[in-house]
Amino acid sequence: MIRVTVLYSASSRFDWDYYLSTHTPMVERLGKPLGLISLTVDRCVSSLGGAPSPYVCIAQLLFQDEAALGAMLGQHGGEILADIPNYTDAATSMVVSAVAQ
């Protein structure tokens, strides 16, 4: 399995209502037929020790394999990325990993 971790840096604007009611359902609707297994969202509250978190949100998308990820990005990547400004101005990092366990 392949996991994509999306890290949204702490920013001045993150519209949780839009993200949870519009963006993530869109990603699931587009991705599930192509091999998206699950999408989870964490609302970051702090770093260990209580310092502010460097991230406001972390999303994790689990795919059957690299082909499924490639299919989703190839068919819908532009649409998904174009929606980001509708809910945040945060710098976004994405990490692709192979699930070890």
PDB file of N, CA and C in Angstrom:
ATOM      1  N   MET A   1       0.836  -1.178   0.000  1.00  0.00           N
ATOM      2  CA  MET A   1       0.000   0.000   0.000  1.00  0.00           C
ATOM      3  C   MET A   1       0.881   1.243   0.000  1.00  0.00           C
ATOM      4  N   ILE A   2       0.281   2.327  -0.502  1.00  0.00           N
ATOM      5  CA  ILE A   2       0.962   3.616  -0.595  1.00  0.00           C
ATOM      6  C   ILE A   2       0.183   4.637   0.221  1.00  0.00           C
ATOM      7  N   ARG A   3       0.906   5.422   1.019  1.00  0.00           N
ATOM      8  CA  ARG A   3       0.282   6.477   1.813  1.00  0.00           C
ATOM      9  C   ARG A   3       0.799   7.824   1.330  1.00  0.00           C
ATOM     10  N   VAL A   4      -0.121   8.747   1.141  1.00  0.00           N
ATOM     11  CA  VAL A   4       0.235  10.134   0.855  1.00  0.00           C
ATOM     12  C   VAL A   4      -0.126  10.934   2.099  1.00  0.00           C
ATOM     13  N   THR A   5       0.860  11.617   2.665  1.00  0.00           N
ATOM     14  CA  THR A   5       0.644  12.469   3.825  1.00  0.00           C
ATOM     15  C   THR A   5       0.720  13.915   3.355  1.00  0.00           C
ATOM     16  N   VAL A   6      -0.341  14.663   3.630  1.00  0.00           N
ATOM     17  CA  VAL A   6      -0.411  16.076   3.241  1.00  0.00           C
ATOM     18  C   VAL A   6      -0.318  16.896   4.517  1.00  0.00           C
ATOM     19  N   LEU A   7       0.696  17.757   4.578  1.00  0.00           N
ATOM     20  CA  LEU A   7       0.955  18.584   5.756  1.00  0.00           C
ATOM     21  C   LEU A   7       0.655  20.037   5.404  1.00  0.00           C
ATOM     22  N   TYR A   8      -0.289  20.624   6.115  1.00  0.00           N
ATOM     23  CA  TYR A   8      -0.646  22.026   5.917  1.00  0.00           C
ATOM     24  C   TYR A   8      -0.006  22.829   7.042  1.00  0.00           C
ATOM     25  N   SER A   9       0.930  23.723   6.690  1.00  0.00           N
ATOM     26  CA  SER A   9       1.614  24.505   7.721  1.00  0.00           C
ATOM     27  C   SER A   9       0.625  25.465   8.377  1.00  0.00           C
ATOM     28  N   ALA A  10       0.916  25.805   9.626  1.00  0.00           N
ATOM     29  CA  ALA A  10       0.070  26.751  10.346  1.00  0.00           C
ATOM     30  C   ALA A  10       0.000  28.038   9.529  1.00  0.00           C
ATOM     31  N   SER A  11      -1.194  28.561   9.355  1.00  0.00           N
ATOM     32  CA  SER A  11      -1.379  29.730   8.500  1.00  0.00           C
ATOM     33  C   SER A  11      -2.400  30.663   9.120  1.00  0.00           C
ATOM     34  N   SER A  12      -2.622  31.757   8.433  1.00  0.00           N
ATOM     35  CA  SER A  12      -3.614  32.707   8.921  1.00  0.00           C
ATOM     36  C   SER A  12      -5.024  32.287   8.540  1.00  0.00           C
ATOM     37  N   ARG A  13      -5.146  31.360   7.572  1.00  0.00           N
ATOM     38  CA  ARG A  13      -6.488  30.983   7.119  1.00  0.00           C
ATOM     39  C   ARG A  13      -6.560  29.495   6.814  1.00  0.00           C
ATOM     40  N   PHE A  14      -7.472  28.808   7.491  1.00  0.00           N
ATOM     41  CA  PHE A  14      -7.798  27.421   7.179  1.00  0.00           C
ATOM     42  C   PHE A  14      -9.273  27.246   7.488  1.00  0.00           C
ATOM     43  N   ASP A  15     -10.089  27.083   6.455  1.00  0.00           N
ATOM     44  CA  ASP A  15     -11.535  26.974   6.588  1.00  0.00           C
ATOM     45  C   ASP A  15     -11.900  25.499   6.794  1.00  0.00           C
ATOM     46  N   TRP A  16     -12.017  25.115   8.070  1.00  0.00           N
ATOM     47  CA  TRP A  16     -12.294  23.726   8.402  1.00  0.00           C
ATOM     48  C   TRP A  16     -13.641  23.276   7.858  1.00  0.00           C
ATOM     49  N   ASP A  17     -14.641  24.141   7.894  1.00  0.00           N
ATOM     50  CA  ASP A  17     -15.966  23.756   7.394  1.00  0.00           C
ATOM     51  C   ASP A  17     -15.893  23.384   5.919  1.00  0.00           C
ATOM     52  N   TYR A  18     -15.247  24.218   5.101  1.00  0.00           N
ATOM     53  CA  TYR A  18     -15.133  23.923   3.673  1.00  0.00           C
ATOM     54  C   TYR A  18     -14.305  22.661   3.458  1.00  0.00           C
ATOM     55  N   TYR A  19     -13.192  22.559   4.176  1.00  0.00           N
ATOM     56  CA  TYR A  19     -12.298  21.417   4.006  1.00  0.00           C
ATOM     57  C   TYR A  19     -13.016  20.097   4.283  1.00  0.00           C
ATOM     58  N   LEU A  20     -13.778  20.056   5.382  1.00  0.00           N
ATOM     59  CA  LEU A  20     -14.434  18.812   5.784  1.00  0.00           C
ATOM     60  C   LEU A  20     -15.740  18.548   5.043  1.00  0.00           C
ATOM     61  N   SER A  21     -16.430  19.591   4.608  1.00  0.00           N
ATOM     62  CA  SER A  21     -17.722  19.379   3.953  1.00  0.00           C
ATOM     63  C   SER A  21     -17.650  19.360   2.435  1.00  0.00           C
ATOM     64  N   THR A  22     -16.576  19.930   1.859  1.00  0.00           N
ATOM     65  CA  THR A  22     -16.482  20.025   0.402  1.00  0.00           C
ATOM     66  C   THR A  22     -15.221  19.360  -0.150  1.00  0.00           C
ATOM     67  N   HIS A  23     -14.054  19.753   0.344  1.00  0.00           N
ATOM     68  CA  HIS A  23     -12.801  19.275  -0.260  1.00  0.00           C
ATOM     69  C   HIS A  23     -12.586  17.775  -0.029  1.00  0.00           C
ATOM     70  N   THR A  24     -12.610  17.334   1.221  1.00  0.00           N
ATOM     71  CA  THR A  24     -12.325  15.916   1.456  1.00  0.00           C
ATOM     72  C   THR A  24     -13.380  14.999   0.834  1.00  0.00           C
ATOM     73  N   PRO A  25     -14.685  15.343   0.862  1.00  0.00           N
ATOM     74  CA  PRO A  25     -15.637  14.487   0.143  1.00  0.00           C
ATOM     75  C   PRO A  25     -15.364  14.429  -1.365  1.00  0.00           C
ATOM     76  N   MET A  26     -14.912  15.550  -1.953  1.00  0.00           N
ATOM     77  CA  MET A  26     -14.572  15.555  -3.368  1.00  0.00           C
ATOM     78  C   MET A  26     -13.405  14.605  -3.638  1.00  0.00           C
ATOM     79  N   VAL A  27     -12.374  14.659  -2.808  1.00  0.00           N
ATOM     80  CA  VAL A  27     -11.215  13.778  -2.987  1.00  0.00           C
ATOM     81  C   VAL A  27     -11.649  12.316  -2.873  1.00  0.00           C
ATOM     82  N   GLU A  28     -12.473  12.006  -1.901  1.00  0.00           N
ATOM     83  CA  GLU A  28     -12.959  10.629  -1.745  1.00  0.00           C
ATOM     84  C   GLU A  28     -13.808  10.190  -2.942  1.00  0.00           C
ATOM     85  N   ARG A  29     -14.684  11.058  -3.408  1.00  0.00           N
ATOM     86  CA  ARG A  29     -15.554  10.724  -4.548  1.00  0.00           C
ATOM     87  C   ARG A  29     -14.737  10.461  -5.806  1.00  0.00           C
ATOM     88  N   LEU A  30     -13.703  11.275  -6.031  1.00  0.00           N
ATOM     89  CA  LEU A  30     -12.865  11.100  -7.213  1.00  0.00           C
ATOM     90  C   LEU A  30     -11.894   9.933  -7.064  1.00  0.00           C
ATOM     91  N   GLY A  31     -11.396   9.713  -5.848  1.00  0.00           N
ATOM     92  CA  GLY A  31     -10.351   8.718  -5.637  1.00  0.00           C
ATOM     93  C   GLY A  31     -10.804   7.297  -5.410  1.00  0.00           C
ATOM     94  N   LYS A  32     -11.939   7.108  -4.760  1.00  0.00           N
ATOM     95  CA  LYS A  32     -12.379   5.742  -4.420  1.00  0.00           C
ATOM     96  C   LYS A  32     -12.494   4.828  -5.642  1.00  0.00           C
ATOM     97  N   PRO A  33     -13.074   5.273  -6.757  1.00  0.00           N
ATOM     98  CA  PRO A  33     -13.157   4.381  -7.924  1.00  0.00           C
ATOM     99  C   PRO A  33     -11.796   4.025  -8.526  1.00  0.00           C
ATOM    100  N   LEU A  34     -10.762   4.788  -8.162  1.00  0.00           N
ATOM    101  CA  LEU A  34      -9.428   4.584  -8.735  1.00  0.00           C
ATOM    102  C   LEU A  34      -8.465   3.881  -7.778  1.00  0.00           C
ATOM    103  N   GLY A  35      -8.916   3.512  -6.576  1.00  0.00           N
ATOM    104  CA  GLY A  35      -8.056   2.773  -5.654  1.00  0.00           C
ATOM    105  C   GLY A  35      -7.713   3.484  -4.367  1.00  0.00           C
ATOM    106  N   LEU A  36      -8.369   4.622  -4.071  1.00  0.00           N
ATOM    107  CA  LEU A  36      -8.211   5.244  -2.763  1.00  0.00           C
ATOM    108  C   LEU A  36      -8.943   4.383  -1.750  1.00  0.00           C
ATOM    109  N   ILE A  37      -8.224   3.933  -0.723  1.00  0.00           N
ATOM    110  CA  ILE A  37      -8.817   3.071   0.303  1.00  0.00           C
ATOM    111  C   ILE A  37      -9.423   3.897   1.429  1.00  0.00           C
ATOM    112  N   SER A  38      -8.680   4.903   1.884  1.00  0.00           N
ATOM    113  CA  SER A  38      -9.174   5.715   2.998  1.00  0.00           C
ATOM    114  C   SER A  38      -8.519   7.084   2.988  1.00  0.00           C
ATOM    115  N   LEU A  39      -9.185   8.010   3.668  1.00  0.00           N
ATOM    116  CA  LEU A  39      -8.670   9.357   3.860  1.00  0.00           C
ATOM    117  C   LEU A  39      -8.963   9.727   5.306  1.00  0.00           C
ATOM    118  N   THR A  40      -7.931  10.076   6.050  1.00  0.00           N
ATOM    119  CA  THR A  40      -8.108  10.508   7.434  1.00  0.00           C
ATOM    120  C   THR A  40      -7.563  11.918   7.584  1.00  0.00           C
ATOM    121  N   VAL A  41      -8.128  12.656   8.535  1.00  0.00           N
ATOM    122  CA  VAL A  41      -7.748  14.054   8.760  1.00  0.00           C
ATOM    123  C   VAL A  41      -7.484  14.247  10.244  1.00  0.00           C
ATOM    124  N   ASP A  42      -6.349  14.872  10.548  1.00  0.00           N
ATOM    125  CA  ASP A  42      -6.013  15.242  11.927  1.00  0.00           C
ATOM    126  C   ASP A  42      -5.977  16.757  12.044  1.00  0.00           C
ATOM    127  N   ARG A  43      -6.657  17.279  13.055  1.00  0.00           N
ATOM    128  CA  ARG A  43      -6.582  18.708  13.375  1.00  0.00           C
ATOM    129  C   ARG A  43      -5.475  18.856  14.413  1.00  0.00           C
ATOM    130  N   CYS A  44      -4.401  19.500  14.038  1.00  0.00           N
ATOM    131  CA  CYS A  44      -3.232  19.597  14.922  1.00  0.00           C
ATOM    132  C   CYS A  44      -3.498  20.592  16.047  1.00  0.00           C
ATOM    133  N   VAL A  45      -3.150  20.176  17.262  1.00  0.00           N
ATOM    134  CA  VAL A  45      -3.411  21.027  18.422  1.00  0.00           C
ATOM    135  C   VAL A  45      -2.131  21.557  19.069  1.00  0.00           C
ATOM    136  N   SER A  46      -1.057  20.782  19.066  1.00  0.00           N
ATOM    137  CA  SER A  46       0.201  21.252  19.648  1.00  0.00           C
ATOM    138  C   SER A  46       1.311  20.274  19.303  1.00  0.00           C
ATOM    139  N   SER A  47       2.522  20.694  19.571  1.00  0.00           N
ATOM    140  CA  SER A  47       3.664  19.796  19.508  1.00  0.00           C
ATOM    141  C   SER A  47       3.837  19.171  20.881  1.00  0.00           C
ATOM    142  N   LEU A  48       4.665  18.135  20.976  1.00  0.00           N
ATOM    143  CA  LEU A  48       4.945  17.575  22.301  1.00  0.00           C
ATOM    144  C   LEU A  48       5.502  18.669  23.190  1.00  0.00           C
ATOM    145  N   GLY A  49       5.111  18.693  24.418  1.00  0.00           N
ATOM    146  CA  GLY A  49       5.559  19.730  25.338  1.00  0.00           C
ATOM    147  C   GLY A  49       4.666  20.956  25.324  1.00  0.00           C
ATOM    148  N   GLY A  50       3.657  20.980  24.449  1.00  0.00           N
ATOM    149  CA  GLY A  50       2.699  22.074  24.448  1.00  0.00           C
ATOM    150  C   GLY A  50       3.002  23.237  23.539  1.00  0.00           C
ATOM    151  N   ALA A  51       4.141  23.216  22.857  1.00  0.00           N
ATOM    152  CA  ALA A  51       4.448  24.300  21.917  1.00  0.00           C
ATOM    153  C   ALA A  51       3.438  24.273  20.778  1.00  0.00           C
ATOM    154  N   PRO A  52       3.210  25.406  20.144  1.00  0.00           N
ATOM    155  CA  PRO A  52       2.294  25.411  19.002  1.00  0.00           C
ATOM    156  C   PRO A  52       2.759  24.449  17.909  1.00  0.00           C
ATOM    157  N   SER A  53       1.818  23.802  17.272  1.00  0.00           N
ATOM    158  CA  SER A  53       2.146  22.888  16.180  1.00  0.00           C
ATOM    159  C   SER A  53       2.581  23.678  14.954  1.00  0.00           C
ATOM    160  N   PRO A  54       3.568  23.175  14.222  1.00  0.00           N
ATOM    161  CA  PRO A  54       3.937  23.830  12.972  1.00  0.00           C
ATOM    162  C   PRO A  54       2.910  23.576  11.870  1.00  0.00           C
ATOM    163  N   TYR A  55       1.945  22.693  12.134  1.00  0.00           N
ATOM    164  CA  TYR A  55       0.921  22.335  11.155  1.00  0.00           C
ATOM    165  C   TYR A  55      -0.464  22.596  11.731  1.00  0.00           C
ATOM    166  N   VAL A  56      -1.379  22.968  10.865  1.00  0.00           N
ATOM    167  CA  VAL A  56      -2.768  23.142  11.258  1.00  0.00           C
ATOM    168  C   VAL A  56      -3.558  21.865  10.987  1.00  0.00           C
ATOM    169  N   CYS A  57      -3.107  21.102   9.972  1.00  0.00           N
ATOM    170  CA  CYS A  57      -3.840  19.913   9.554  1.00  0.00           C
ATOM    171  C   CYS A  57      -2.879  18.917   8.920  1.00  0.00           C
ATOM    172  N   ILE A  58      -3.147  17.649   9.142  1.00  0.00           N
ATOM    173  CA  ILE A  58      -2.419  16.573   8.470  1.00  0.00           C
ATOM    174  C   ILE A  58      -3.467  15.609   7.920  1.00  0.00           C
ATOM    175  N   ALA A  59      -3.418  15.381   6.613  1.00  0.00           N
ATOM    176  CA  ALA A  59      -4.323  14.424   5.982  1.00  0.00           C
ATOM    177  C   ALA A  59      -3.501  13.248   5.476  1.00  0.00           C
ATOM    178  N   GLN A  60      -4.073  12.045   5.576  1.00  0.00           N
ATOM    179  CA  GLN A  60      -3.398  10.851   5.076  1.00  0.00           C
ATOM    180  C   GLN A  60      -4.344  10.095   4.159  1.00  0.00           C
ATOM    181  N   LEU A  61      -3.852   9.823   2.959  1.00  0.00           N
ATOM    182  CA  LEU A  61      -4.623   9.092   1.956  1.00  0.00           C
ATOM    183  C   LEU A  61      -3.935   7.766   1.712  1.00  0.00           C
ATOM    184  N   LEU A  62      -4.674   6.686   1.820  1.00  0.00           N
ATOM    185  CA  LEU A  62      -4.128   5.348   1.637  1.00  0.00           C
ATOM    186  C   LEU A  62      -4.633   4.791   0.315  1.00  0.00           C
ATOM    187  N   PHE A  63      -3.692   4.333  -0.529  1.00  0.00           N
ATOM    188  CA  PHE A  63      -4.003   3.794  -1.847  1.00  0.00           C
ATOM    189  C   PHE A  63      -3.587   2.334  -1.922  1.00  0.00           C
ATOM    190  N   GLN A  64      -4.243   1.596  -2.801  1.00  0.00           N
ATOM    191  CA  GLN A  64      -3.903   0.192  -3.011  1.00  0.00           C
ATOM    192  C   GLN A  64      -2.454   0.042  -3.438  1.00  0.00           C
ATOM    193  N   ASP A  65      -2.011   0.916  -4.355  1.00  0.00           N
ATOM    194  CA  ASP A  65      -0.659   0.819  -4.894  1.00  0.00           C
ATOM    195  C   ASP A  65      -0.309   2.115  -5.617  1.00  0.00           C
ATOM    196  N   GLU A  66       0.916   2.197  -6.127  1.00  0.00           N
ATOM    197  CA  GLU A  66       1.367   3.400  -6.832  1.00  0.00           C
ATOM    198  C   GLU A  66       0.545   3.664  -8.085  1.00  0.00           C
ATOM    199  N   ALA A  67       0.066   2.608  -8.747  1.00  0.00           N
ATOM    200  CA  ALA A  67      -0.757   2.786  -9.949  1.00  0.00           C
ATOM    201  C   ALA A  67      -2.053   3.513  -9.602  1.00  0.00           C
ATOM    202  N   ALA A  68      -2.655   3.197  -8.457  1.00  0.00           N
ATOM    203  CA  ALA A  68      -3.889   3.859  -8.029  1.00  0.00           C
ATOM    204  C   ALA A  68      -3.637   5.340  -7.745  1.00  0.00           C
ATOM    205  N   LEU A  69      -2.544   5.631  -7.066  1.00  0.00           N
ATOM    206  CA  LEU A  69      -2.177   7.021  -6.809  1.00  0.00           C
ATOM    207  C   LEU A  69      -1.955   7.753  -8.130  1.00  0.00           C
ATOM    208  N   GLY A  70      -1.205   7.135  -9.035  1.00  0.00           N
ATOM    209  CA  GLY A  70      -0.935   7.740 -10.331  1.00  0.00           C
ATOM    210  C   GLY A  70      -2.199   7.988 -11.128  1.00  0.00           C
ATOM    211  N   ALA A  71      -3.138   7.047 -11.068  1.00  0.00           N
ATOM    212  CA  ALA A  71      -4.407   7.213 -11.785  1.00  0.00           C
ATOM    213  C   ALA A  71      -5.184   8.404 -11.237  1.00  0.00           C
ATOM    214  N   MET A  72      -5.241   8.522  -9.921  1.00  0.00           N
ATOM    215  CA  MET A  72      -5.986   9.635  -9.333  1.00  0.00           C
ATOM    216  C   MET A  72      -5.328  10.971  -9.673  1.00  0.00           C
ATOM    217  N   LEU A  73      -4.008  11.035  -9.526  1.00  0.00           N
ATOM    218  CA  LEU A  73      -3.320  12.283  -9.840  1.00  0.00           C
ATOM    219  C   LEU A  73      -3.436  12.619 -11.318  1.00  0.00           C
ATOM    220  N   GLY A  74      -3.321  11.607 -12.173  1.00  0.00           N
ATOM    221  CA  GLY A  74      -3.398  11.842 -13.599  1.00  0.00           C
ATOM    222  C   GLY A  74      -4.764  12.329 -14.044  1.00  0.00           C
ATOM    223  N   GLN A  75      -5.809  11.770 -13.468  1.00  0.00           N
ATOM    224  CA  GLN A  75      -7.161  12.130 -13.883  1.00  0.00           C
ATOM    225  C   GLN A  75      -7.729  13.336 -13.138  1.00  0.00           C
ATOM    226  N   HIS A  76      -7.347  13.511 -11.862  1.00  0.00           N
ATOM    227  CA  HIS A  76      -8.013  14.523 -11.050  1.00  0.00           C
ATOM    228  C   HIS A  76      -7.070  15.440 -10.263  1.00  0.00           C
ATOM    229  N   GLY A  77      -5.766  15.263 -10.418  1.00  0.00           N
ATOM    230  CA  GLY A  77      -4.817  16.056  -9.634  1.00  0.00           C
ATOM    231  C   GLY A  77      -5.005  17.553  -9.804  1.00  0.00           C
ATOM    232  N   GLY A  78      -5.211  17.997 -11.031  1.00  0.00           N
ATOM    233  CA  GLY A  78      -5.388  19.426 -11.278  1.00  0.00           C
ATOM    234  C   GLY A  78      -6.601  19.989 -10.565  1.00  0.00           C
ATOM    235  N   GLU A  79      -7.699  19.264 -10.616  1.00  0.00           N
ATOM    236  CA  GLU A  79      -8.939  19.702  -9.967  1.00  0.00           C
ATOM    237  C   GLU A  79      -8.772  19.757  -8.448  1.00  0.00           C
ATOM    238  N   ILE A  80      -8.122  18.744  -7.897  1.00  0.00           N
ATOM    239  CA  ILE A  80      -7.923  18.696  -6.443  1.00  0.00           C
ATOM    240  C   ILE A  80      -7.016  19.833  -5.987  1.00  0.00           C
ATOM    241  N   LEU A  81      -5.902  20.037  -6.678  1.00  0.00           N
ATOM    242  CA  LEU A  81      -4.974  21.110  -6.302  1.00  0.00           C
ATOM    243  C   LEU A  81      -5.596  22.486  -6.494  1.00  0.00           C
ATOM    244  N   ALA A  82      -6.413  22.650  -7.526  1.00  0.00           N
ATOM    245  CA  ALA A  82      -7.045  23.947  -7.785  1.00  0.00           C
ATOM    246  C   ALA A  82      -8.031  24.333  -6.687  1.00  0.00           C
ATOM    247  N   ASP A  83      -8.515  23.360  -5.920  1.00  0.00           N
ATOM    248  CA  ASP A  83      -9.476  23.634  -4.854  1.00  0.00           C
ATOM    249  C   ASP A  83      -8.812  24.141  -3.582  1.00  0.00           C
ATOM    250  N   ILE A  84      -7.518  23.933  -3.425  1.00  0.00           N
ATOM    251  CA  ILE A  84      -6.826  24.298  -2.179  1.00  0.00           C
ATOM    252  C   ILE A  84      -7.030  25.764  -1.792  1.00  0.00           C
ATOM    253  N   PRO A  85      -6.908  26.730  -2.712  1.00  0.00           N
ATOM    254  CA  PRO A  85      -7.106  28.131  -2.303  1.00  0.00           C
ATOM    255  C   PRO A  85      -8.504  28.436  -1.775  1.00  0.00           C
ATOM    256  N   ASN A  86      -9.462  27.560  -1.998  1.00  0.00           N
ATOM    257  CA  ASN A  86     -10.810  27.775  -1.466  1.00  0.00           C
ATOM    258  C   ASN A  86     -10.894  27.592   0.040  1.00  0.00           C
ATOM    259  N   TYR A  87      -9.888  26.918   0.638  1.00  0.00           N
ATOM    260  CA  TYR A  87      -9.952  26.706   2.087  1.00  0.00           C
ATOM    261  C   TYR A  87      -8.697  27.114   2.846  1.00  0.00           C
ATOM    262  N   THR A  88      -7.577  27.364   2.159  1.00  0.00           N
ATOM    263  CA  THR A  88      -6.376  27.748   2.909  1.00  0.00           C
ATOM    264  C   THR A  88      -5.374  28.507   2.053  1.00  0.00           C
ATOM    265  N   ASP A  89      -4.534  29.258   2.741  1.00  0.00           N
ATOM    266  CA  ASP A  89      -3.370  29.882   2.118  1.00  0.00           C
ATOM    267  C   ASP A  89      -2.086  29.250   2.674  1.00  0.00           C
ATOM    268  N   ALA A  90      -2.237  28.122   3.354  1.00  0.00           N
ATOM    269  CA  ALA A  90      -1.104  27.445   3.994  1.00  0.00           C
ATOM    270  C   ALA A  90      -0.151  26.855   2.959  1.00  0.00           C
ATOM    271  N   ALA A  91       1.124  26.894   3.279  1.00  0.00           N
ATOM    272  CA  ALA A  91       2.100  26.137   2.496  1.00  0.00           C
ATOM    273  C   ALA A  91       1.798  24.663   2.718  1.00  0.00           C
ATOM    274  N   THR A  92       1.859  23.900   1.651  1.00  0.00           N
ATOM    275  CA  THR A  92       1.480  22.489   1.713  1.00  0.00           C
ATOM    276  C   THR A  92       2.647  21.615   1.282  1.00  0.00           C
ATOM    277  N   SER A  93       2.927  20.573   2.060  1.00  0.00           N
ATOM    278  CA  SER A  93       3.936  19.581   1.706  1.00  0.00           C
ATOM    279  C   SER A  93       3.243  18.237   1.562  1.00  0.00           C
ATOM    280  N   MET A  94       3.709  17.438   0.599  1.00  0.00           N
ATOM    281  CA  MET A  94       3.145  16.102   0.403  1.00  0.00           C
ATOM    282  C   MET A  94       4.275  15.090   0.403  1.00  0.00           C
ATOM    283  N   VAL A  95       4.068  13.994   1.132  1.00  0.00           N
ATOM    284  CA  VAL A  95       5.057  12.936   1.235  1.00  0.00           C
ATOM    285  C   VAL A  95       4.390  11.628   0.818  1.00  0.00           C
ATOM    286  N   VAL A  96       5.037  10.898  -0.088  1.00  0.00           N
ATOM    287  CA  VAL A  96       4.538   9.592  -0.517  1.00  0.00           C
ATOM    288  C   VAL A  96       5.410   8.539   0.150  1.00  0.00           C
ATOM    289  N   SER A  97       4.762   7.538   0.759  1.00  0.00           N
ATOM    290  CA  SER A  97       5.523   6.495   1.443  1.00  0.00           C
ATOM    291  C   SER A  97       4.893   5.132   1.167  1.00  0.00           C
ATOM    292  N   ALA A  98       5.732   4.104   1.247  1.00  0.00           N
ATOM    293  CA  ALA A  98       5.256   2.728   1.172  1.00  0.00           C
ATOM    294  C   ALA A  98       4.962   2.281   2.591  1.00  0.00           C
ATOM    295  N   VAL A  99       3.791   1.735   2.825  1.00  0.00           N
ATOM    296  CA  VAL A  99       3.389   1.311   4.156  1.00  0.00           C
ATOM    297  C   VAL A  99       4.176   0.051   4.526  1.00  0.00           C
ATOM    298  N   ALA A 100       4.929   0.128   5.619  1.00  0.00           N
ATOM    299  CA  ALA A 100       5.782  -1.000   6.016  1.00  0.00           C
ATOM    300  C   ALA A 100       5.025  -2.033   6.844  1.00  0.00           C
ATOM    301  N   GLN A 101       4.045  -1.609   7.601  1.00  0.00           N
ATOM    302  CA  GLN A 101       3.260  -2.530   8.427  1.00  0.00           C
ATOM    303  C   GLN A 101       1.805  -2.206   8.318  1.00  0.00           C
TER     304      GLN A 101
END
